[in-house]
Amino acid sequence: MEGSTIGKLARESGVGVETIRFYERRGLIEQPGKPPSGYRKYPAETAVRVKFIRNAKELGFSLREISELLALEADTEEGREETRARTEAKIAEIDGRIASLQGLRRHLEELVETCRSER
């Protein structure tokens, strides 16, 4: 039987075994049935899905947002449009955070200058 054990899936995906189990509990990935031989085998597509989840989290998507994205049918025009709209909204959110961080940076630089000039 082809596929990966949970340990191999975790290594291939760059996450821990507990993360795989957590994603299963959250319904983000399916847990394969347990065969009589004992070890569950995950199909190759599961590693692709886990990598997508990991990358989306790194980009700032919440697990709820990721779940919603995964539920969309990207093979349909409506699914692609919804995915595009949600991704554009996330980009706008990130741009807002960047602007806030840049403002904070300017204030901190002013504070550093004030401290230097008042020596």
Protein backbone atom coordinates (compact mmCIF):
# COMPACT_ATOMS: atom_id res chain seq x y z
CA MET A 1 0.00 0.00 0.00
CA GLU A 2 1.43 3.36 -1.01
CA GLY A 3 1.35 6.43 1.18
CA SER A 4 3.11 7.94 4.14
CA THR A 5 2.89 7.14 7.81
CA ILE A 6 2.07 10.06 10.09
CA GLY A 7 5.76 10.51 10.97
CA LYS A 8 6.85 10.59 7.35
CA LEU A 9 3.97 12.93 6.47
CA ALA A 10 5.05 15.27 9.27
CA ARG A 11 8.66 15.31 8.06
CA GLU A 12 7.65 15.82 4.41
CA SER A 13 5.33 18.67 5.39
CA GLY A 14 7.67 20.43 7.83
CA VAL A 15 5.34 20.09 10.83
CA GLY A 16 5.15 17.88 13.89
CA VAL A 17 3.07 14.74 14.33
CA GLU A 18 0.87 16.54 16.87
CA THR A 19 0.19 19.23 14.27
CA ILE A 20 -1.05 16.54 11.86
CA ARG A 21 -3.34 15.17 14.59
CA PHE A 22 -4.55 18.68 15.40
CA TYR A 23 -5.40 19.32 11.72
CA GLU A 24 -7.31 16.04 11.68
CA ARG A 25 -9.34 17.05 14.75
CA ARG A 26 -10.09 20.43 13.15
CA GLY A 27 -11.25 18.71 9.94
CA LEU A 28 -8.54 20.31 7.81
CA ILE A 29 -7.21 16.93 6.68
CA GLU A 30 -8.75 13.48 6.65
CA GLN A 31 -7.46 10.71 8.81
CA PRO A 32 -7.15 7.55 6.74
CA GLY A 33 -8.71 4.34 8.00
CA LYS A 34 -6.54 2.00 10.04
CA PRO A 35 -5.77 -1.16 8.06
CA PRO A 36 -5.28 -4.55 9.71
CA SER A 37 -1.50 -4.11 9.30
CA GLY A 38 -1.68 -1.32 11.86
CA TYR A 39 -0.22 1.83 10.31
CA ARG A 40 -2.40 4.45 8.65
CA LYS A 41 -1.13 5.56 5.25
CA TYR A 42 -1.72 9.13 4.13
CA PRO A 43 -2.00 9.81 0.39
CA ALA A 44 0.53 12.16 -1.25
CA GLU A 45 -2.16 14.85 -1.61
CA THR A 46 -2.27 15.14 2.18
CA ALA A 47 1.33 16.41 2.28
CA VAL A 48 0.43 19.05 -0.31
CA ARG A 49 -2.58 20.08 1.78
CA VAL A 50 -0.55 20.26 5.02
CA LYS A 51 2.10 22.40 3.28
CA PHE A 52 -0.66 24.71 2.04
CA ILE A 53 -2.05 25.01 5.57
CA ARG A 54 1.42 25.69 7.02
CA ASN A 55 2.21 28.31 4.37
CA ALA A 56 -1.18 30.00 4.74
CA LYS A 57 -0.66 30.21 8.51
CA GLU A 58 2.77 31.78 7.97
CA LEU A 59 1.11 34.36 5.71
CA GLY A 60 -1.31 35.33 8.46
CA PHE A 61 -4.42 33.31 7.64
CA SER A 62 -6.29 31.92 10.64
CA LEU A 63 -7.24 28.24 10.75
CA ARG A 64 -10.87 29.28 10.24
CA GLU A 65 -9.92 31.23 7.11
CA ILE A 66 -7.79 28.33 5.87
CA SER A 67 -10.67 25.92 6.44
CA GLU A 68 -12.96 28.18 4.43
CA LEU A 69 -10.41 28.45 1.62
CA LEU A 70 -9.97 24.69 1.51
CA ALA A 71 -13.74 24.24 1.30
CA LEU A 72 -13.95 26.40 -1.82
CA GLU A 73 -14.03 24.69 -5.15
CA ALA A 74 -11.09 26.26 -6.97
CA ASP A 75 -12.11 24.37 -10.11
CA THR A 76 -15.15 26.60 -10.58
CA GLU A 77 -15.32 30.23 -11.62
CA GLU A 78 -17.22 31.07 -8.43
CA GLY A 79 -14.63 29.29 -6.30
CA ARG A 80 -11.74 31.10 -7.96
CA GLU A 81 -13.52 34.44 -7.56
CA GLU A 82 -14.18 33.80 -3.86
CA THR A 83 -10.57 32.70 -3.32
CA ARG A 84 -9.32 35.83 -5.10
CA ALA A 85 -11.60 38.09 -3.04
CA ARG A 86 -10.54 36.55 0.27
CA THR A 87 -6.88 36.70 -0.68
CA GLU A 88 -7.18 40.36 -1.70
CA ALA A 89 -8.84 41.10 1.65
CA LYS A 90 -5.93 39.42 3.45
CA ILE A 91 -3.46 41.48 1.39
CA ALA A 92 -5.29 44.66 2.42
CA GLU A 93 -5.14 43.55 6.06
CA ILE A 94 -1.40 42.90 5.78
CA ASP A 95 -0.86 46.29 4.11
CA GLY A 96 -2.67 47.91 7.04
CA ARG A 97 -0.40 46.13 9.52
CA ILE A 98 2.67 47.16 7.54
CA ALA A 99 1.54 50.80 7.62
CA SER A 100 0.98 50.58 11.38
CA LEU A 101 4.40 49.03 11.91
CA GLN A 102 6.03 51.71 9.78
CA GLY A 103 4.33 54.39 11.88
CA LEU A 104 5.53 52.69 15.06
CA ARG A 105 9.03 52.53 13.62
CA ARG A 106 9.01 56.27 12.88
CA HIS A 107 7.95 57.02 16.46
CA LEU A 108 10.65 54.78 17.86
CA GLU A 109 13.28 56.41 15.63
CA GLU A 110 12.14 59.82 16.91
CA LEU A 111 12.48 58.56 20.48
CA VAL A 112 16.01 57.32 19.78
CA GLU A 113 16.92 60.71 18.29
CA THR A 114 15.42 62.52 21.27
CA CYS A 115 17.45 60.37 23.65
CA ARG A 116 20.65 61.02 21.66
CA SER A 117 20.15 64.77 21.43
CA GLU A 118 19.43 65.19 25.15
CA ARG A 119 22.69 63.61 26.37
